[in-house]
Amino acid sequence: MRFGTWISAVALSGFFVAASAHAQSLKLEGTDRPIDVTAEGGFELQQDSKRVIARGNAKAVQGDVTVMGDELIADYRIKDNGANEVYRVFVNGNVTIKSASETATGETAVYDFDKGVLVLEGKDISLINPEGSVTAHRALQYWANERVAVAEGAAMAEDSGKRRLYADKLIAFFKEDATAAKGSALNRGRGDISLLQGFGNVRMETAKEVVRGERGTYNVETGIANLDGNVKITQNNSQLAGGFAVVNVKGGTSRIYASAKDAGLQGVRENGRVSALIAPSAKEGNATPTPPAAKPAPAVSNKGKK
């Protein structure tokens, strides 16, 4: 699952430098691609606070990247050479960030160029691309320099194979993309996810089973997931319970243990014994029971009858 590429959508340094009309076509420093900015409500330049605001269905487009919202705000500073430099951008209301293959939505967004941090907030945050999706109901943060993303509030990550990981908080760690390593701070964060961590009400869904626990990690490269704390594995109507589980998503096998120690691994705690509730298969459960064979009627003797 790839998440880093969409972040370039908010690389808008310079896009509010001299806005004074309904539409602008500006160039970013170091690139030949202009940024076109439009806003139905026009632009406001606050020179004292060094802030520019575009209001009313505001849209900024650079190449195949589009940023839209009810309001776009850019904070800038003046460099030693006299040029203006945007260091923080806000997008408020009905936020949509689109690239050629990815779309992110939320209620508000802010990007800090110095820290390389993007934060999307809202009740219904989503990030969708061909390799999967992430949804959250509080916040989605992306730390480009650290190559880490955090989704909070009933978070869910789904890959192209429809495998899902739910948690109160999900943390994704990215591999560095060698082709973008020499680029900006944003591009240096690009790369596929190598590890997912879940905290609180963790639930992993595959085609065959549902695994629940208090904490969990999923190694995308190996396909191995470890869940810790009051673990339950449900397949059809059968359930296994224990303190620690190892799920091989690629191999299609699951093992449950009393603790991480019993699995030969380190864990947060050691839980109780393993238990199992094995329900009959659908075939056995739906089979019509065979009635007992009828007993033969007792023989009637005519002896003594007239």
C-alpha atoms as a PDB file:
ATOM      1  CA  MET A   1       0.000   0.000   0.000  1.00  0.00           C
ATOM      2  CA  ARG A   2       1.480   3.338  -1.054  1.00  0.00           C
ATOM      3  CA  PHE A   3       0.686   6.527   0.821  1.00  0.00           C
ATOM      4  CA  GLY A   4       3.634   8.878   0.326  1.00  0.00           C
ATOM      5  CA  THR A   5       2.892  10.046  -3.210  1.00  0.00           C
ATOM      6  CA  TRP A   6      -0.307  11.896  -2.408  1.00  0.00           C
ATOM      7  CA  ILE A   7       1.413  14.145   0.077  1.00  0.00           C
ATOM      8  CA  SER A   8       3.005  16.164  -2.731  1.00  0.00           C
ATOM      9  CA  ALA A   9      -0.452  17.583  -3.338  1.00  0.00           C
ATOM     10  CA  VAL A  10       0.120  20.226  -0.704  1.00  0.00           C
ATOM     11  CA  ALA A  11       3.570  21.303  -1.869  1.00  0.00           C
ATOM     12  CA  LEU A  12       2.323  24.796  -2.632  1.00  0.00           C
ATOM     13  CA  SER A  13       5.350  26.937  -1.802  1.00  0.00           C
ATOM     14  CA  GLY A  14       5.005  30.189  -3.663  1.00  0.00           C
ATOM     15  CA  PHE A  15       1.445  29.704  -4.798  1.00  0.00           C
ATOM     16  CA  PHE A  16       0.096  32.732  -2.935  1.00  0.00           C
ATOM     17  CA  VAL A  17       3.085  34.977  -3.492  1.00  0.00           C
ATOM     18  CA  ALA A  18       1.361  37.764  -5.416  1.00  0.00           C
ATOM     19  CA  ALA A  19      -2.313  36.829  -5.514  1.00  0.00           C
ATOM     20  CA  SER A  20      -4.529  39.782  -6.244  1.00  0.00           C
ATOM     21  CA  ALA A  21      -7.059  38.568  -8.821  1.00  0.00           C
ATOM     22  CA  HIS A  22      -9.512  35.722  -9.305  1.00  0.00           C
ATOM     23  CA  ALA A  23      -6.916  33.450 -10.895  1.00  0.00           C
ATOM     24  CA  GLN A  24      -3.150  33.162 -10.680  1.00  0.00           C
ATOM     25  CA  SER A  25      -0.588  31.138 -12.621  1.00  0.00           C
ATOM     26  CA  LEU A  26       2.637  30.976 -10.656  1.00  0.00           C
ATOM     27  CA  LYS A  27       5.815  28.935 -10.813  1.00  0.00           C
ATOM     28  CA  LEU A  28       7.334  27.048  -7.922  1.00  0.00           C
ATOM     29  CA  GLU A  29      10.983  27.720  -7.292  1.00  0.00           C
ATOM     30  CA  GLY A  30      13.035  25.014  -8.992  1.00  0.00           C
ATOM     31  CA  THR A  31      10.223  23.681 -11.186  1.00  0.00           C
ATOM     32  CA  ASP A  32       8.753  24.593 -14.557  1.00  0.00           C
ATOM     33  CA  ARG A  33       5.227  23.585 -13.568  1.00  0.00           C
ATOM     34  CA  PRO A  34       2.991  26.553 -12.742  1.00  0.00           C
ATOM     35  CA  ILE A  35       0.345  26.518 -10.015  1.00  0.00           C
ATOM     36  CA  ASP A  36      -3.072  27.840 -10.987  1.00  0.00           C
ATOM     37  CA  VAL A  37      -5.137  29.192  -8.088  1.00  0.00           C
ATOM     38  CA  THR A  38      -8.801  30.140  -8.366  1.00  0.00           C
ATOM     39  CA  ALA A  39     -11.359  31.253  -5.776  1.00  0.00           C
ATOM     40  CA  GLU A  40     -14.923  32.434  -6.270  1.00  0.00           C
ATOM     41  CA  GLY A  41     -14.677  34.808  -3.308  1.00  0.00           C
ATOM     42  CA  GLY A  42     -11.356  36.315  -4.360  1.00  0.00           C
ATOM     43  CA  PHE A  43      -8.083  36.811  -2.473  1.00  0.00           C
ATOM     44  CA  GLU A  44      -7.014  38.746   0.599  1.00  0.00           C
ATOM     45  CA  LEU A  45      -3.422  39.800   1.284  1.00  0.00           C
ATOM     46  CA  GLN A  46      -2.553  40.535   4.935  1.00  0.00           C
ATOM     47  CA  GLN A  47       0.875  42.132   4.681  1.00  0.00           C
ATOM     48  CA  ASP A  48       1.343  42.774   8.414  1.00  0.00           C
ATOM     49  CA  SER A  49       0.717  39.137   9.363  1.00  0.00           C
ATOM     50  CA  LYS A  50       2.274  37.897   6.108  1.00  0.00           C
ATOM     51  CA  ARG A  51      -0.744  35.815   5.184  1.00  0.00           C
ATOM     52  CA  VAL A  52      -2.704  35.330   1.971  1.00  0.00           C
ATOM     53  CA  ILE A  53      -6.253  33.913   1.918  1.00  0.00           C
ATOM     54  CA  ALA A  54      -8.279  32.540  -0.992  1.00  0.00           C
ATOM     55  CA  ARG A  55     -11.982  32.108  -0.224  1.00  0.00           C
ATOM     56  CA  GLY A  56     -14.961  30.410  -1.829  1.00  0.00           C
ATOM     57  CA  ASN A  57     -14.452  27.087  -3.592  1.00  0.00           C
ATOM     58  CA  ALA A  58     -10.728  27.710  -3.628  1.00  0.00           C
ATOM     59  CA  LYS A  59      -8.634  25.475  -5.852  1.00  0.00           C
ATOM     60  CA  ALA A  60      -4.913  25.147  -6.458  1.00  0.00           C
ATOM     61  CA  VAL A  61      -3.692  22.999  -9.375  1.00  0.00           C
ATOM     62  CA  GLN A  62      -0.131  22.001 -10.257  1.00  0.00           C
ATOM     63  CA  GLY A  63       0.280  19.361 -12.930  1.00  0.00           C
ATOM     64  CA  ASP A  64      -1.872  16.382 -11.979  1.00  0.00           C
ATOM     65  CA  VAL A  65      -2.244  17.527  -8.358  1.00  0.00           C
ATOM     66  CA  THR A  66      -5.291  19.475  -7.176  1.00  0.00           C
ATOM     67  CA  VAL A  67      -6.048  20.911  -3.727  1.00  0.00           C
ATOM     68  CA  MET A  68      -9.602  22.101  -3.067  1.00  0.00           C
ATOM     69  CA  GLY A  69     -11.411  23.575  -0.070  1.00  0.00           C
ATOM     70  CA  ASP A  70     -13.762  26.310   1.039  1.00  0.00           C
ATOM     71  CA  GLU A  71     -10.724  28.363   2.055  1.00  0.00           C
ATOM     72  CA  LEU A  72      -6.982  28.210   1.390  1.00  0.00           C
ATOM     73  CA  ILE A  73      -4.577  30.108   3.658  1.00  0.00           C
ATOM     74  CA  ALA A  74      -0.819  30.515   3.219  1.00  0.00           C
ATOM     75  CA  ASP A  75       1.609  31.931   5.778  1.00  0.00           C
ATOM     76  CA  TYR A  76       4.813  33.267   4.228  1.00  0.00           C
ATOM     77  CA  ARG A  77       8.079  34.921   5.217  1.00  0.00           C
ATOM     78  CA  ILE A  78      10.556  37.141   3.398  1.00  0.00           C
ATOM     79  CA  LYS A  79      13.921  35.560   2.570  1.00  0.00           C
ATOM     80  CA  ASP A  80      17.255  37.360   2.652  1.00  0.00           C
ATOM     81  CA  ASN A  81      17.091  37.897  -1.102  1.00  0.00           C
ATOM     82  CA  GLY A  82      13.685  39.572  -0.750  1.00  0.00           C
ATOM     83  CA  ALA A  83      11.681  36.685  -2.158  1.00  0.00           C
ATOM     84  CA  ASN A  84       8.546  35.449  -0.420  1.00  0.00           C
ATOM     85  CA  GLU A  85       8.578  31.887   0.920  1.00  0.00           C
ATOM     86  CA  VAL A  86       5.479  29.979   2.045  1.00  0.00           C
ATOM     87  CA  TYR A  87       6.174  27.849   5.124  1.00  0.00           C
ATOM     88  CA  ARG A  88       2.665  26.770   6.168  1.00  0.00           C
ATOM     89  CA  VAL A  89      -0.603  26.142   4.313  1.00  0.00           C
ATOM     90  CA  PHE A  90      -4.114  25.638   5.737  1.00  0.00           C
ATOM     91  CA  VAL A  91      -7.155  24.274   3.905  1.00  0.00           C
ATOM     92  CA  ASN A  92     -10.523  24.655   5.630  1.00  0.00           C
ATOM     93  CA  GLY A  93     -13.861  23.074   4.753  1.00  0.00           C
ATOM     94  CA  ASN A  94     -14.593  20.211   2.352  1.00  0.00           C
ATOM     95  CA  VAL A  95     -10.938  19.432   1.791  1.00  0.00           C
ATOM     96  CA  THR A  96     -10.023  17.274  -1.206  1.00  0.00           C
ATOM     97  CA  ILE A  97      -6.476  16.534  -2.339  1.00  0.00           C
ATOM     98  CA  LYS A  98      -6.132  14.657  -5.626  1.00  0.00           C
ATOM     99  CA  SER A  99      -3.261  13.318  -7.665  1.00  0.00           C
ATOM    100  CA  ALA A 100      -3.244  11.059 -10.714  1.00  0.00           C
ATOM    101  CA  SER A 101      -3.850   7.956  -8.597  1.00  0.00           C
ATOM    102  CA  GLU A 102      -4.792   9.095  -5.091  1.00  0.00           C
ATOM    103  CA  THR A 103      -7.513  11.069  -3.348  1.00  0.00           C
ATOM    104  CA  ALA A 104      -7.559  12.321   0.256  1.00  0.00           C
ATOM    105  CA  THR A 105     -10.511  14.025   1.929  1.00  0.00           C
ATOM    106  CA  GLY A 106     -11.221  15.650   5.289  1.00  0.00           C
ATOM    107  CA  GLU A 107     -12.707  18.705   6.969  1.00  0.00           C
ATOM    108  CA  THR A 108      -9.427  20.599   7.488  1.00  0.00           C
ATOM    109  CA  ALA A 109      -5.795  20.177   6.479  1.00  0.00           C
ATOM    110  CA  VAL A 110      -2.531  21.883   7.396  1.00  0.00           C
ATOM    111  CA  TYR A 111       0.961  21.373   6.017  1.00  0.00           C
ATOM    112  CA  ASP A 112       4.103  22.633   7.735  1.00  0.00           C
ATOM    113  CA  PHE A 113       6.947  22.835   5.193  1.00  0.00           C
ATOM    114  CA  ASP A 114       9.683  23.223   7.827  1.00  0.00           C
ATOM    115  CA  LYS A 115       8.651  20.108   9.744  1.00  0.00           C
ATOM    116  CA  GLY A 116       7.443  18.149   6.735  1.00  0.00           C
ATOM    117  CA  VAL A 117       4.157  17.346   8.489  1.00  0.00           C
ATOM    118  CA  LEU A 118       0.670  17.131   6.999  1.00  0.00           C
ATOM    119  CA  VAL A 119      -2.400  16.782   9.238  1.00  0.00           C
ATOM    120  CA  LEU A 120      -5.921  16.033   7.994  1.00  0.00           C
ATOM    121  CA  GLU A 121      -8.719  16.300  10.555  1.00  0.00           C
ATOM    122  CA  GLY A 122     -12.443  15.588  10.551  1.00  0.00           C
ATOM    123  CA  LYS A 123     -15.114  13.018  11.257  1.00  0.00           C
ATOM    124  CA  ASP A 124     -14.716  11.261   7.919  1.00  0.00           C
ATOM    125  CA  ILE A 125     -11.123  11.244   6.700  1.00  0.00           C
ATOM    126  CA  SER A 126     -10.157   9.013   3.819  1.00  0.00           C
ATOM    127  CA  LEU A 127      -7.142   8.273   1.649  1.00  0.00           C
ATOM    128  CA  ILE A 128      -7.745   6.052  -1.379  1.00  0.00           C
ATOM    129  CA  ASN A 129      -5.337   4.747  -3.988  1.00  0.00           C
ATOM    130  CA  PRO A 130      -5.146   1.637  -6.212  1.00  0.00           C
ATOM    131  CA  GLU A 131      -3.179  -0.273  -3.590  1.00  0.00           C
ATOM    132  CA  GLY A 132      -5.606   0.283  -0.725  1.00  0.00           C
ATOM    133  CA  SER A 133      -7.229   2.848   1.517  1.00  0.00           C
ATOM    134  CA  VAL A 134      -7.133   4.368   4.982  1.00  0.00           C
ATOM    135  CA  THR A 135     -10.045   5.900   6.851  1.00  0.00           C
ATOM    136  CA  ALA A 136     -10.192   7.621  10.243  1.00  0.00           C
ATOM    137  CA  HIS A 137     -12.674   9.650  12.276  1.00  0.00           C
ATOM    138  CA  ARG A 138     -10.343  12.032  14.074  1.00  0.00           C
ATOM    139  CA  ALA A 139      -7.036  12.734  12.358  1.00  0.00           C
ATOM    140  CA  LEU A 140      -4.557  11.486   9.786  1.00  0.00           C
ATOM    141  CA  GLN A 141      -0.973  12.700  10.150  1.00  0.00           C
ATOM    142  CA  TYR A 142       1.934  12.205   7.774  1.00  0.00           C
ATOM    143  CA  TRP A 143       5.515  12.894   8.920  1.00  0.00           C
ATOM    144  CA  ALA A 144       7.545  12.998   5.716  1.00  0.00           C
ATOM    145  CA  ASN A 145      11.024  13.265   7.253  1.00  0.00           C
ATOM    146  CA  GLU A 146      10.381  10.359   9.620  1.00  0.00           C
ATOM    147  CA  ARG A 147       8.399   8.386   6.974  1.00  0.00           C
ATOM    148  CA  VAL A 148       5.594   7.707   9.448  1.00  0.00           C
ATOM    149  CA  ALA A 149       1.801   8.101   9.172  1.00  0.00           C
ATOM    150  CA  VAL A 150      -0.680   8.019  12.075  1.00  0.00           C
ATOM    151  CA  ALA A 151      -4.455   7.511  11.747  1.00  0.00           C
ATOM    152  CA  GLU A 152      -6.590   8.083  14.853  1.00  0.00           C
ATOM    153  CA  GLY A 153     -10.234   7.475  15.683  1.00  0.00           C
ATOM    154  CA  ALA A 154     -11.766   4.178  14.540  1.00  0.00           C
ATOM    155  CA  ALA A 155      -8.974   3.870  11.977  1.00  0.00           C
ATOM    156  CA  MET A 156      -9.015   1.284   9.212  1.00  0.00           C
ATOM    157  CA  ALA A 157      -6.436   0.258   6.611  1.00  0.00           C
ATOM    158  CA  GLU A 158      -7.366  -1.969   3.675  1.00  0.00           C
ATOM    159  CA  ASP A 159      -5.076  -3.391   1.008  1.00  0.00           C
ATOM    160  CA  SER A 160      -5.864  -4.420  -2.560  1.00  0.00           C
ATOM    161  CA  GLY A 161      -6.604  -7.961  -1.357  1.00  0.00           C
ATOM    162  CA  LYS A 162      -9.446  -6.635   0.841  1.00  0.00           C
ATOM    163  CA  ARG A 163      -7.558  -7.527   4.030  1.00  0.00           C
ATOM    164  CA  ARG A 164      -8.433  -5.017   6.730  1.00  0.00           C
ATOM    165  CA  LEU A 165      -6.806  -3.843   9.937  1.00  0.00           C
ATOM    166  CA  TYR A 166      -8.871  -1.806  12.423  1.00  0.00           C
ATOM    167  CA  ALA A 167      -7.700  -0.019  15.593  1.00  0.00           C
ATOM    168  CA  ASP A 168      -8.280   3.068  17.691  1.00  0.00           C
ATOM    169  CA  LYS A 169      -4.867   4.190  16.404  1.00  0.00           C
ATOM    170  CA  LEU A 170      -2.887   2.890  13.427  1.00  0.00           C
ATOM    171  CA  ILE A 171       0.763   3.756  12.782  1.00  0.00           C
ATOM    172  CA  ALA A 172       2.354   3.058   9.386  1.00  0.00           C
ATOM    173  CA  PHE A 173       6.106   2.987   8.750  1.00  0.00           C
ATOM    174  CA  PHE A 174       7.316   3.501   5.173  1.00  0.00           C
ATOM    175  CA  LYS A 175      10.297   2.218   3.245  1.00  0.00           C
ATOM    176  CA  GLU A 176      12.312   4.959   1.604  1.00  0.00           C
ATOM    177  CA  ASP A 177      11.855   5.258  -2.132  1.00  0.00           C
ATOM    178  CA  ALA A 178      15.372   5.358  -3.592  1.00  0.00           C
ATOM    179  CA  THR A 179      14.144   7.207  -6.679  1.00  0.00           C
ATOM    180  CA  ALA A 180      12.892  10.081  -4.521  1.00  0.00           C
ATOM    181  CA  ALA A 181      15.634  10.118  -1.887  1.00  0.00           C
ATOM    182  CA  LYS A 182      17.257  13.205  -3.359  1.00  0.00           C
ATOM    183  CA  GLY A 183      14.028  15.182  -3.622  1.00  0.00           C
ATOM    184  CA  SER A 184      12.252  17.457  -1.206  1.00  0.00           C
ATOM    185  CA  ALA A 185      11.370  16.504   2.355  1.00  0.00           C
ATOM    186  CA  LEU A 186       7.977  15.428   1.106  1.00  0.00           C
ATOM    187  CA  ASN A 187       9.327  13.170  -1.605  1.00  0.00           C
ATOM    188  CA  ARG A 188      11.906  11.666   0.715  1.00  0.00           C
ATOM    189  CA  GLY A 189       9.018  10.227   2.680  1.00  0.00           C
ATOM    190  CA  ARG A 190       7.655   8.348  -0.311  1.00  0.00           C
ATOM    191  CA  GLY A 191       7.656   4.560  -0.311  1.00  0.00           C
ATOM    192  CA  ASP A 192       5.580   1.490   0.380  1.00  0.00           C
ATOM    193  CA  ILE A 193       4.454   0.627   3.896  1.00  0.00           C
ATOM    194  CA  SER A 194       6.758  -1.888   5.562  1.00  0.00           C
ATOM    195  CA  LEU A 195       5.091  -2.174   8.990  1.00  0.00           C
ATOM    196  CA  LEU A 196       1.693  -1.400  10.525  1.00  0.00           C
ATOM    197  CA  GLN A 197       1.044  -1.095  14.255  1.00  0.00           C
ATOM    198  CA  GLY A 198      -2.413  -1.000  15.868  1.00  0.00           C
ATOM    199  CA  PHE A 199      -3.355   0.073  19.388  1.00  0.00           C
ATOM    200  CA  GLY A 200      -6.735  -0.361  21.072  1.00  0.00           C
ATOM    201  CA  ASN A 201      -9.552  -2.584  19.811  1.00  0.00           C
ATOM    202  CA  VAL A 202      -7.380  -4.109  17.123  1.00  0.00           C
ATOM    203  CA  ARG A 203      -9.214  -6.252  14.594  1.00  0.00           C
ATOM    204  CA  MET A 204      -7.725  -7.948  11.554  1.00  0.00           C
ATOM    205  CA  GLU A 205      -9.990  -9.354   8.862  1.00  0.00           C
ATOM    206  CA  THR A 206      -8.913 -11.820   6.189  1.00  0.00           C
ATOM    207  CA  ALA A 207     -10.916 -13.961   3.785  1.00  0.00           C
ATOM    208  CA  LYS A 208     -10.997 -16.836   6.306  1.00  0.00           C
ATOM    209  CA  GLU A 209     -11.036 -15.335   9.774  1.00  0.00           C
ATOM    210  CA  VAL A 210     -11.282 -12.384  12.146  1.00  0.00           C
ATOM    211  CA  VAL A 211      -8.546 -11.858  14.753  1.00  0.00           C
ATOM    212  CA  ARG A 212      -8.998  -9.476  17.688  1.00  0.00           C
ATOM    213  CA  GLY A 213      -6.594  -8.182  20.323  1.00  0.00           C
ATOM    214  CA  GLU A 214      -5.521  -5.136  22.296  1.00  0.00           C
ATOM    215  CA  ARG A 215      -2.379  -4.466  20.236  1.00  0.00           C
ATOM    216  CA  GLY A 216      -1.039  -5.715  16.946  1.00  0.00           C
ATOM    217  CA  THR A 217       1.731  -5.447  14.361  1.00  0.00           C
ATOM    218  CA  TYR A 218       1.665  -6.450  10.715  1.00  0.00           C
ATOM    219  CA  ASN A 219       4.840  -6.894   8.678  1.00  0.00           C
ATOM    220  CA  VAL A 220       3.765  -6.215   5.110  1.00  0.00           C
ATOM    221  CA  GLU A 221       6.848  -7.825   3.564  1.00  0.00           C
ATOM    222  CA  THR A 222       6.614 -11.137   5.438  1.00  0.00           C
ATOM    223  CA  GLY A 223       2.837 -11.193   5.750  1.00  0.00           C
ATOM    224  CA  ILE A 224       3.115 -12.036   9.470  1.00  0.00           C
ATOM    225  CA  ALA A 225       0.795 -10.369  11.993  1.00  0.00           C
ATOM    226  CA  ASN A 226       1.244 -10.607  15.773  1.00  0.00           C
ATOM    227  CA  LEU A 227      -1.655  -9.718  18.084  1.00  0.00           C
ATOM    228  CA  ASP A 228      -1.272  -9.383  21.834  1.00  0.00           C
ATOM    229  CA  GLY A 229      -3.713  -9.101  24.740  1.00  0.00           C
ATOM    230  CA  ASN A 230      -7.021 -10.969  25.075  1.00  0.00           C
ATOM    231  CA  VAL A 231      -6.703 -12.417  21.600  1.00  0.00           C
ATOM    232  CA  LYS A 232      -9.596 -14.141  19.855  1.00  0.00           C
ATOM    233  CA  ILE A 233      -9.548 -15.877  16.468  1.00  0.00           C
ATOM    234  CA  THR A 234     -12.935 -16.491  14.887  1.00  0.00           C
ATOM    235  CA  GLN A 235     -13.527 -18.804  11.936  1.00  0.00           C
ATOM    236  CA  ASN A 236     -17.164 -19.345  11.022  1.00  0.00           C
ATOM    237  CA  ASN A 237     -18.760 -20.236  14.379  1.00  0.00           C
ATOM    238  CA  SER A 238     -15.555 -21.511  15.994  1.00  0.00           C
ATOM    239  CA  GLN A 239     -13.350 -19.400  18.238  1.00  0.00           C
ATOM    240  CA  LEU A 240      -9.884 -19.710  19.770  1.00  0.00           C
ATOM    241  CA  ALA A 241      -8.877 -17.500  22.699  1.00  0.00           C
ATOM    242  CA  GLY A 242      -5.518 -16.797  24.296  1.00  0.00           C
ATOM    243  CA  GLY A 243      -2.959 -14.128  25.068  1.00  0.00           C
ATOM    244  CA  PHE A 244      -0.983 -13.985  21.825  1.00  0.00           C
ATOM    245  CA  ALA A 245      -1.520 -14.932  18.178  1.00  0.00           C
ATOM    246  CA  VAL A 246       0.685 -15.259  15.114  1.00  0.00           C
ATOM    247  CA  VAL A 247      -1.179 -14.957  11.812  1.00  0.00           C
ATOM    248  CA  ASN A 248       0.505 -15.778   8.509  1.00  0.00           C
ATOM    249  CA  VAL A 249      -1.618 -13.806   6.083  1.00  0.00           C
ATOM    250  CA  LYS A 250       0.205 -15.051   2.996  1.00  0.00           C
ATOM    251  CA  GLY A 251       0.414 -18.641   4.181  1.00  0.00           C
ATOM    252  CA  GLY A 252      -3.135 -18.785   5.495  1.00  0.00           C
ATOM    253  CA  THR A 253      -2.219 -20.197   8.923  1.00  0.00           C
ATOM    254  CA  SER A 254      -2.917 -18.906  12.435  1.00  0.00           C
ATOM    255  CA  ARG A 255      -1.482 -19.981  15.784  1.00  0.00           C
ATOM    256  CA  ILE A 256      -2.598 -18.916  19.233  1.00  0.00           C
ATOM    257  CA  TYR A 257      -0.612 -19.088  22.469  1.00  0.00           C
ATOM    258  CA  ALA A 258      -1.083 -18.308  26.123  1.00  0.00           C
ATOM    259  CA  SER A 259       1.541 -15.570  25.861  1.00  0.00           C
ATOM    260  CA  ALA A 260       4.168 -14.084  23.580  1.00  0.00           C
ATOM    261  CA  LYS A 261       6.767 -15.929  25.627  1.00  0.00           C
ATOM    262  CA  ASP A 262       5.175 -19.237  24.698  1.00  0.00           C
ATOM    263  CA  ALA A 263       5.438 -18.194  21.051  1.00  0.00           C
ATOM    264  CA  GLY A 264       9.142 -17.466  21.510  1.00  0.00           C
ATOM    265  CA  LEU A 265       8.616 -13.727  21.114  1.00  0.00           C
ATOM    266  CA  GLN A 266       8.549 -10.629  23.265  1.00  0.00           C
ATOM    267  CA  GLY A 267       5.166  -9.237  24.266  1.00  0.00           C
ATOM    268  CA  VAL A 268       3.599  -6.642  26.504  1.00  0.00           C
ATOM    269  CA  ARG A 269       2.177  -9.128  28.959  1.00  0.00           C
ATOM    270  CA  GLU A 270       1.579 -12.822  29.602  1.00  0.00           C
ATOM    271  CA  ASN A 271      -2.065 -13.793  29.543  1.00  0.00           C
ATOM    272  CA  GLY A 272      -4.057 -16.807  30.596  1.00  0.00           C
ATOM    273  CA  ARG A 273      -4.527 -20.220  29.109  1.00  0.00           C
ATOM    274  CA  VAL A 274      -5.625 -21.006  25.597  1.00  0.00           C
ATOM    275  CA  SER A 275      -9.216 -22.081  25.084  1.00  0.00           C
ATOM    276  CA  ALA A 276     -11.241 -23.193  22.100  1.00  0.00           C
ATOM    277  CA  LEU A 277     -14.907 -23.329  21.147  1.00  0.00           C
ATOM    278  CA  ILE A 278     -15.305 -25.572  18.121  1.00  0.00           C
ATOM    279  CA  ALA A 279     -18.703 -25.409  16.460  1.00  0.00           C
ATOM    280  CA  PRO A 280     -19.906 -28.105  14.060  1.00  0.00           C
ATOM    281  CA  SER A 281     -19.393 -27.450  10.388  1.00  0.00           C
ATOM    282  CA  ALA A 282     -22.220 -26.007   8.358  1.00  0.00           C
ATOM    283  CA  LYS A 283     -22.818 -29.409   6.773  1.00  0.00           C
ATOM    284  CA  GLU A 284     -23.052 -31.146  10.119  1.00  0.00           C
ATOM    285  CA  GLY A 285     -25.051 -28.395  11.721  1.00  0.00           C
ATOM    286  CA  ASN A 286     -27.640 -28.256   8.953  1.00  0.00           C
ATOM    287  CA  ALA A 287     -28.030 -32.004   8.511  1.00  0.00           C
ATOM    288  CA  THR A 288     -31.509 -33.326   9.231  1.00  0.00           C
ATOM    289  CA  PRO A 289     -31.309 -35.729  12.176  1.00  0.00           C
ATOM    290  CA  THR A 290     -32.274 -39.305  11.399  1.00  0.00           C
ATOM    291  CA  PRO A 291     -35.224 -40.440  13.497  1.00  0.00           C
ATOM    292  CA  PRO A 292     -34.679 -43.578  15.540  1.00  0.00           C
ATOM    293  CA  ALA A 293     -35.856 -46.780  13.922  1.00  0.00           C
ATOM    294  CA  ALA A 294     -39.402 -47.723  14.880  1.00  0.00           C
ATOM    295  CA  LYS A 295     -39.652 -50.574  17.326  1.00  0.00           C
ATOM    296  CA  PRO A 296     -41.613 -53.567  16.060  1.00  0.00           C
ATOM    297  CA  ALA A 297     -45.076 -53.834  17.528  1.00  0.00           C
ATOM    298  CA  PRO A 298     -45.364 -56.543  20.176  1.00  0.00           C
ATOM    299  CA  ALA A 299     -46.795 -59.818  18.913  1.00  0.00           C
ATOM    300  CA  VAL A 300     -50.418 -60.385  19.831  1.00  0.00           C
ATOM    301  CA  SER A 301     -51.206 -63.867  21.018  1.00  0.00           C
ATOM    302  CA  ASN A 302     -54.560 -65.429  20.200  1.00  0.00           C
ATOM    303  CA  LYS A 303     -54.110 -67.970  22.886  1.00  0.00           C
ATOM    304  CA  GLY A 304     -57.050 -68.071  25.242  1.00  0.00           C
ATOM    305  CA  LYS A 305     -59.372 -66.236  22.834  1.00  0.00           C
ATOM    306  CA  LYS A 306     -62.585 -67.833  21.815  1.00  0.00           C
END
